[in-house]
Amino acid sequence: MPVRDEWSGFADLLANLIAKYASEIGIDALPDPEEGLGICDKTKERKNKLK
């Protein structure tokens, strides 16, 4: 028997909504969060400085 608590229903609702509307939202077309925040560039700069 799966463990369920007061948040399980909400989590199921969110998962179902995301699955249902993912194509309309265009989730696949969103940029990588690190690229959008400029974190990738900063991480690459730090790695290059360490070399």
Protein backbone atom coordinates (compact mmCIF):
# COMPACT_ATOMS: atom_id res chain seq x y z
CA MET A 1 0.00 0.00 0.00
CA PRO A 2 1.53 3.35 -1.03
CA VAL A 3 2.26 5.94 1.64
CA ARG A 4 -0.07 8.93 1.35
CA ASP A 5 -0.21 12.13 3.33
CA GLU A 6 -2.02 15.44 3.04
CA TRP A 7 0.27 16.56 0.18
CA SER A 8 -0.15 13.48 -2.00
CA GLY A 9 -3.36 14.69 -3.61
CA PHE A 10 -1.84 18.07 -4.39
CA ALA A 11 1.29 16.47 -5.85
CA ASP A 12 -0.87 14.23 -8.04
CA LEU A 13 -2.87 17.23 -9.24
CA LEU A 14 0.27 19.18 -10.16
CA ALA A 15 1.80 16.19 -11.96
CA ASN A 16 -1.39 15.63 -13.94
CA LEU A 17 -1.70 19.31 -14.89
CA ILE A 18 1.92 19.49 -16.00
CA ALA A 19 1.56 16.29 -18.04
CA LYS A 20 -1.66 17.53 -19.63
CA TYR A 21 -0.46 21.02 -20.58
CA ALA A 22 3.28 20.44 -21.13
CA SER A 23 3.01 20.69 -24.90
CA GLU A 24 0.94 23.89 -24.73
CA ILE A 25 3.26 25.50 -22.19
CA GLY A 26 6.30 24.68 -24.32
CA ILE A 27 8.38 23.26 -21.48
CA ASP A 28 10.76 21.63 -23.96
CA ALA A 29 11.50 24.99 -25.55
CA LEU A 30 12.51 26.67 -22.27
CA PRO A 31 16.21 27.42 -21.81
CA ASP A 32 18.27 25.51 -19.30
CA PRO A 33 17.83 27.30 -15.94
CA GLU A 34 21.57 27.71 -15.52
CA GLU A 35 21.89 29.31 -18.95
CA GLY A 36 19.00 31.67 -18.29
CA LEU A 37 20.61 32.90 -15.08
CA GLY A 38 24.10 33.18 -16.55
CA ILE A 39 25.40 30.56 -14.12
CA CYS A 40 26.99 28.42 -16.84
CA ASP A 41 29.23 31.26 -17.97
CA LYS A 42 30.37 32.00 -14.42
CA THR A 43 31.02 28.32 -13.73
CA LYS A 44 33.08 28.01 -16.93
CA GLU A 45 35.07 31.11 -15.98
CA ARG A 46 35.85 29.70 -12.53
CA LYS A 47 36.94 26.35 -13.99
CA ASN A 48 39.20 28.12 -16.49
CA LYS A 49 40.80 30.16 -13.69
CA LEU A 50 41.56 26.99 -11.74
CA LYS A 51 43.48 25.46 -14.66
